[in-house]
C-alpha atoms as a PDB file:
ATOM      1  CA  MET A   1      13.790 -12.417 -17.049  1.00  0.00           C
ATOM      2  CA  ALA A   2      10.777 -11.390 -19.146  1.00  0.00           C
ATOM      3  CA  ALA A   3      10.788  -8.047 -20.875  1.00  0.00           C
ATOM      4  CA  ALA A   4       8.395  -5.731 -19.151  1.00  0.00           C
ATOM      5  CA  ALA A   5       5.469  -4.338 -21.154  1.00  0.00           C
ATOM      6  CA  THR A   6       6.070  -0.997 -19.532  1.00  0.00           C
ATOM      7  CA  SER A   7       8.892  -0.220 -17.181  1.00  0.00           C
ATOM      8  CA  PRO A   8      10.023   2.682 -15.023  1.00  0.00           C
ATOM      9  CA  ALA A   9      12.488   3.654 -17.799  1.00  0.00           C
ATOM     10  CA  GLY A  10       9.910   3.176 -20.574  1.00  0.00           C
ATOM     11  CA  PRO A  11       6.512   4.701 -21.251  1.00  0.00           C
ATOM     12  CA  LYS A  12       4.537   5.696 -18.226  1.00  0.00           C
ATOM     13  CA  PRO A  13       1.619   3.312 -17.632  1.00  0.00           C
ATOM     14  CA  SER A  14      -1.920   4.631 -17.954  1.00  0.00           C
ATOM     15  CA  PRO A  15      -3.972   5.037 -14.755  1.00  0.00           C
ATOM     16  CA  ASP A  16      -5.772   1.730 -15.472  1.00  0.00           C
ATOM     17  CA  GLU A  17      -2.480  -0.048 -16.100  1.00  0.00           C
ATOM     18  CA  LEU A  18      -0.949   1.418 -12.964  1.00  0.00           C
ATOM     19  CA  GLU A  19      -3.966   0.256 -10.972  1.00  0.00           C
ATOM     20  CA  ASP A  20      -3.357  -3.307 -12.173  1.00  0.00           C
ATOM     21  CA  TRP A  21       0.400  -3.075 -11.586  1.00  0.00           C
ATOM     22  CA  ASN A  22      -0.175  -1.862  -8.025  1.00  0.00           C
ATOM     23  CA  TYR A  23      -3.182  -3.995  -7.123  1.00  0.00           C
ATOM     24  CA  LEU A  24      -1.248  -6.444  -4.926  1.00  0.00           C
ATOM     25  CA  HIS A  25       0.695  -3.575  -3.403  1.00  0.00           C
ATOM     26  CA  ASP A  26      -2.487  -1.706  -2.517  1.00  0.00           C
ATOM     27  CA  VAL A  27      -4.299  -4.720  -1.067  1.00  0.00           C
ATOM     28  CA  MET A  28      -1.229  -5.839   0.853  1.00  0.00           C
ATOM     29  CA  SER A  29      -0.763  -2.307   2.207  1.00  0.00           C
ATOM     30  CA  GLN A  30      -4.258  -2.432   3.700  1.00  0.00           C
ATOM     31  CA  PHE A  31      -3.696  -5.821   5.330  1.00  0.00           C
ATOM     32  CA  HIS A  32      -0.298  -4.805   6.652  1.00  0.00           C
ATOM     33  CA  GLU A  33      -1.562  -1.516   8.065  1.00  0.00           C
ATOM     34  CA  ASN A  34      -4.245  -3.442   9.931  1.00  0.00           C
ATOM     35  CA  PHE A  35      -1.599  -5.753  11.418  1.00  0.00           C
ATOM     36  CA  ARG A  36       0.491  -2.737  12.474  1.00  0.00           C
ATOM     37  CA  GLN A  37      -2.495  -1.099  14.149  1.00  0.00           C
ATOM     38  CA  CYS A  38      -3.516  -4.292  15.948  1.00  0.00           C
ATOM     39  CA  PHE A  39       0.021  -4.896  17.178  1.00  0.00           C
ATOM     40  CA  ARG A  40       0.299  -1.325  18.467  1.00  0.00           C
ATOM     41  CA  GLU A  41      -3.128  -1.494  20.117  1.00  0.00           C
ATOM     42  CA  ILE A  42      -2.278  -4.689  21.971  1.00  0.00           C
ATOM     43  CA  TYR A  43       1.196  -3.443  22.864  1.00  0.00           C
ATOM     44  CA  SER A  44      -0.222  -0.208  24.277  1.00  0.00           C
ATOM     45  CA  HIS A  45      -2.170  -2.301  26.779  1.00  0.00           C
ATOM     46  CA  THR A  46       0.918  -4.056  28.160  1.00  0.00           C
ATOM     47  CA  THR A  47       2.264  -1.201  30.316  1.00  0.00           C
ATOM     48  CA  ASN A  48       0.849  -2.879  33.427  1.00  0.00           C
ATOM     49  CA  ASP A  49      -1.371  -5.833  34.288  1.00  0.00           C
ATOM     50  CA  ASN A  50      -4.499  -3.665  34.318  1.00  0.00           C
ATOM     51  CA  ALA A  51      -3.803  -1.509  31.256  1.00  0.00           C
ATOM     52  CA  TRP A  52      -6.385  -3.508  29.287  1.00  0.00           C
ATOM     53  CA  ARG A  53      -9.091  -1.846  31.438  1.00  0.00           C
ATOM     54  CA  ASP A  54      -8.650   1.436  29.528  1.00  0.00           C
ATOM     55  CA  GLU A  55     -10.453   0.016  26.517  1.00  0.00           C
ATOM     56  CA  PHE A  56     -11.685  -3.513  27.170  1.00  0.00           C
ATOM     57  CA  CYS A  57     -14.490  -4.563  29.496  1.00  0.00           C
ATOM     58  CA  SER A  58     -12.623  -7.665  30.650  1.00  0.00           C
ATOM     59  CA  LEU A  59      -9.275  -9.380  30.426  1.00  0.00           C
ATOM     60  CA  SER A  60     -10.906 -12.169  28.422  1.00  0.00           C
ATOM     61  CA  SER A  61     -12.136  -9.579  25.893  1.00  0.00           C
ATOM     62  CA  PHE A  62      -8.599  -8.179  25.590  1.00  0.00           C
ATOM     63  CA  LEU A  63      -7.161 -11.683  25.179  1.00  0.00           C
ATOM     64  CA  ARG A  64      -9.699 -12.514  22.460  1.00  0.00           C
ATOM     65  CA  PHE A  65      -8.585  -9.383  20.612  1.00  0.00           C
ATOM     66  CA  ALA A  66      -4.939 -10.371  21.129  1.00  0.00           C
ATOM     67  CA  GLU A  67      -5.699 -13.858  19.830  1.00  0.00           C
ATOM     68  CA  SER A  68      -7.443 -12.461  16.747  1.00  0.00           C
ATOM     69  CA  PHE A  69      -4.192 -10.695  15.819  1.00  0.00           C
ATOM     70  CA  PHE A  70      -2.319 -13.999  16.060  1.00  0.00           C
ATOM     71  CA  ILE A  71      -4.914 -15.888  14.022  1.00  0.00           C
ATOM     72  CA  GLY A  72      -5.181 -13.174  11.378  1.00  0.00           C
ATOM     73  CA  LEU A  73      -1.442 -12.785  10.840  1.00  0.00           C
ATOM     74  CA  SER A  74      -0.834 -16.547  10.876  1.00  0.00           C
ATOM     75  CA  ASN A  75      -3.581 -17.128   8.308  1.00  0.00           C
ATOM     76  CA  HIS A  76      -2.323 -14.241   6.173  1.00  0.00           C
ATOM     77  CA  HIS A  77       1.174 -15.721   6.088  1.00  0.00           C
ATOM     78  CA  GLY A  78      -0.201 -19.195   5.382  1.00  0.00           C
ATOM     79  CA  ILE A  79      -2.124 -17.960   2.347  1.00  0.00           C
ATOM     80  CA  GLU A  80       0.863 -15.985   1.075  1.00  0.00           C
ATOM     81  CA  GLU A  81       3.204 -18.956   1.402  1.00  0.00           C
ATOM     82  CA  ALA A  82       0.817 -21.471  -0.124  1.00  0.00           C
ATOM     83  CA  ARG A  83      -0.648 -19.446  -2.973  1.00  0.00           C
ATOM     84  CA  LEU A  84       1.117 -16.153  -3.677  1.00  0.00           C
ATOM     85  CA  PHE A  85       4.825 -16.605  -2.929  1.00  0.00           C
ATOM     86  CA  PRO A  86       5.254 -19.636  -5.258  1.00  0.00           C
ATOM     87  CA  ILE A  87       3.971 -17.557  -8.184  1.00  0.00           C
ATOM     88  CA  LEU A  88       6.020 -14.470  -7.341  1.00  0.00           C
ATOM     89  CA  ALA A  89       9.129 -16.567  -6.614  1.00  0.00           C
ATOM     90  CA  GLU A  90       9.179 -17.774 -10.219  1.00  0.00           C
ATOM     91  CA  LYS A  91      10.760 -14.445 -11.166  1.00  0.00           C
ATOM     92  CA  MET A  92      11.293 -12.411  -8.003  1.00  0.00           C
ATOM     93  CA  PRO A  93      14.197 -13.421  -5.735  1.00  0.00           C
ATOM     94  CA  GLU A  94      12.746 -11.623  -2.701  1.00  0.00           C
ATOM     95  CA  PHE A  95       9.920 -14.190  -2.578  1.00  0.00           C
ATOM     96  CA  ARG A  96      12.336 -17.099  -2.330  1.00  0.00           C
ATOM     97  CA  GLY A  97      13.783 -18.729   0.785  1.00  0.00           C
ATOM     98  CA  ASP A  98      16.173 -16.181   2.225  1.00  0.00           C
ATOM     99  CA  LYS A  99      14.105 -13.000   1.954  1.00  0.00           C
ATOM    100  CA  HIS A 100      10.351 -12.678   2.619  1.00  0.00           C
ATOM    101  CA  PRO A 101       9.810 -16.379   3.455  1.00  0.00           C
ATOM    102  CA  ASP A 102      12.737 -16.201   5.905  1.00  0.00           C
ATOM    103  CA  GLU A 103      11.229 -13.054   7.430  1.00  0.00           C
ATOM    104  CA  HIS A 104       8.035 -15.053   8.020  1.00  0.00           C
ATOM    105  CA  ARG A 105      10.029 -17.742   9.832  1.00  0.00           C
ATOM    106  CA  LYS A 106      11.725 -15.137  12.023  1.00  0.00           C
ATOM    107  CA  ILE A 107       8.402 -13.464  12.806  1.00  0.00           C
ATOM    108  CA  HIS A 108       6.808 -16.784  13.717  1.00  0.00           C
ATOM    109  CA  ALA A 109       9.614 -17.626  16.126  1.00  0.00           C
ATOM    110  CA  GLY A 110       8.068 -14.934  18.353  1.00  0.00           C
ATOM    111  CA  LEU A 111       4.502 -14.869  17.027  1.00  0.00           C
ATOM    112  CA  ASP A 112       3.964 -18.554  17.790  1.00  0.00           C
ATOM    113  CA  LYS A 113       5.156 -18.021  21.381  1.00  0.00           C
ATOM    114  CA  TYR A 114       2.783 -15.059  21.549  1.00  0.00           C
ATOM    115  CA  GLY A 115      -0.124 -17.223  20.342  1.00  0.00           C
ATOM    116  CA  GLU A 116       0.678 -19.979  22.834  1.00  0.00           C
ATOM    117  CA  TYR A 117       0.924 -17.491  25.696  1.00  0.00           C
ATOM    118  CA  VAL A 118      -2.345 -15.754  24.834  1.00  0.00           C
ATOM    119  CA  LYS A 119      -4.101 -19.117  24.594  1.00  0.00           C
ATOM    120  CA  GLU A 120      -2.646 -20.168  27.957  1.00  0.00           C
ATOM    121  CA  CYS A 121      -3.887 -16.931  29.539  1.00  0.00           C
ATOM    122  CA  LYS A 122      -7.337 -17.374  28.016  1.00  0.00           C
ATOM    123  CA  LEU A 123      -7.532 -20.767  29.726  1.00  0.00           C
ATOM    124  CA  ASP A 124      -6.230 -19.419  33.041  1.00  0.00           C
ATOM    125  CA  SER A 125      -6.322 -15.636  33.394  1.00  0.00           C
ATOM    126  CA  SER A 126      -4.225 -15.783  36.571  1.00  0.00           C
ATOM    127  CA  LYS A 127      -1.231 -16.543  34.326  1.00  0.00           C
ATOM    128  CA  TYR A 128      -1.542 -13.207  32.524  1.00  0.00           C
ATOM    129  CA  SER A 129       1.366 -10.825  32.917  1.00  0.00           C
ATOM    130  CA  ALA A 130       1.510  -7.666  30.829  1.00  0.00           C
ATOM    131  CA  SER A 131       5.286  -7.577  31.115  1.00  0.00           C
ATOM    132  CA  LYS A 132       5.572 -11.156  29.804  1.00  0.00           C
ATOM    133  CA  LEU A 133       3.265 -10.373  26.866  1.00  0.00           C
ATOM    134  CA  ARG A 134       5.277  -7.227  26.129  1.00  0.00           C
ATOM    135  CA  GLU A 135       8.538  -9.196  26.275  1.00  0.00           C
ATOM    136  CA  ILE A 136       7.205 -11.737  23.780  1.00  0.00           C
ATOM    137  CA  MET A 137       5.964  -8.962  21.484  1.00  0.00           C
ATOM    138  CA  ASP A 138       9.339  -7.214  21.723  1.00  0.00           C
ATOM    139  CA  SER A 139      10.954 -10.399  20.409  1.00  0.00           C
ATOM    140  CA  PHE A 140       9.330 -10.074  16.982  1.00  0.00           C
ATOM    141  CA  GLU A 141       8.298  -6.422  16.683  1.00  0.00           C
ATOM    142  CA  LYS A 142      11.363  -5.240  14.765  1.00  0.00           C
ATOM    143  CA  ILE A 143      11.303  -8.020  12.141  1.00  0.00           C
ATOM    144  CA  LEU A 144       7.506  -7.794  11.833  1.00  0.00           C
ATOM    145  CA  PHE A 145       7.481  -4.069  11.114  1.00  0.00           C
ATOM    146  CA  TYR A 146      10.469  -4.364   8.767  1.00  0.00           C
ATOM    147  CA  HIS A 147       8.727  -7.164   6.881  1.00  0.00           C
ATOM    148  CA  LEU A 148       5.384  -5.360   6.646  1.00  0.00           C
ATOM    149  CA  ASP A 149       7.147  -2.484   4.880  1.00  0.00           C
ATOM    150  CA  ALA A 150       9.582  -4.531   2.764  1.00  0.00           C
ATOM    151  CA  GLU A 151       7.014  -6.930   1.357  1.00  0.00           C
ATOM    152  CA  VAL A 152       4.722  -4.086   0.283  1.00  0.00           C
ATOM    153  CA  LYS A 153       7.671  -2.270  -1.316  1.00  0.00           C
ATOM    154  CA  SER A 154       8.441  -5.418  -3.318  1.00  0.00           C
ATOM    155  CA  LEU A 155       4.942  -5.286  -4.798  1.00  0.00           C
ATOM    156  CA  GLU A 156       5.122  -1.734  -6.128  1.00  0.00           C
ATOM    157  CA  TYR A 157       4.980  -1.122  -9.866  1.00  0.00           C
ATOM    158  CA  GLU A 158       8.608   0.030  -9.942  1.00  0.00           C
ATOM    159  CA  ASN A 159       9.777  -3.361  -8.688  1.00  0.00           C
ATOM    160  CA  MET A 160       7.147  -5.635 -10.233  1.00  0.00           C
ATOM    161  CA  SER A 161       7.810  -4.245 -13.710  1.00  0.00           C
ATOM    162  CA  LYS A 162      11.434  -5.394 -13.486  1.00  0.00           C
ATOM    163  CA  TYR A 163      10.257  -9.022 -13.509  1.00  0.00           C
ATOM    164  CA  TRP A 164       6.772  -9.218 -15.021  1.00  0.00           C
ATOM    165  CA  THR A 165       4.885  -7.942 -18.023  1.00  0.00           C
ATOM    166  CA  LEU A 166       1.535  -6.277 -17.491  1.00  0.00           C
ATOM    167  CA  ASP A 167      -0.173  -9.226 -19.191  1.00  0.00           C
ATOM    168  CA  GLU A 168       1.510 -11.622 -16.741  1.00  0.00           C
ATOM    169  CA  VAL A 169       0.392  -9.494 -13.809  1.00  0.00           C
ATOM    170  CA  ARG A 170      -3.178  -9.431 -15.113  1.00  0.00           C
ATOM    171  CA  ASN A 171      -3.413 -13.061 -16.174  1.00  0.00           C
ATOM    172  CA  LYS A 172      -1.297 -14.897 -13.639  1.00  0.00           C
ATOM    173  CA  ILE A 173      -0.661 -12.884 -10.496  1.00  0.00           C
ATOM    174  CA  LEU A 174      -4.012 -11.152 -10.103  1.00  0.00           C
ATOM    175  CA  ARG A 175      -5.780 -14.476 -10.600  1.00  0.00           C
ATOM    176  CA  PHE A 176      -3.902 -16.374  -7.912  1.00  0.00           C
END
């Protein structure tokens, strides 16, 4: 494990240093909050088969929004797994197989079913059932919301500084 340039027990980082330490945390927080809001918005429209009418002009409009959540989260995870996790996993155990990557796998067990169902309903709207969509969303809600919080927590200065120096953060991680 590399000695940290500054650590929670050592000198307090300057505001500029703290901004660099927390950059991934702050960006990831924004992405994750968007995913939370989208999930909740879609879920709130699954109380009955016509609940989408409260906010969407058509079922197809609602399903496009629901599909955009699937596409966005799937792409986000794909980028993390291909580009970010391999770098972080060099020193941080939570970015190896049995922690955050495993959370992704558990999320996608339900998220992929969700994506397939939304696509099926887009092709044939008569197949849409709010209760079925809600049931699918229930299958991955708990792990999704846990993961959204846990991954961001892993990227905070207090944790990052246990594994990385500030120079490594600036020159390796922030340039991924």
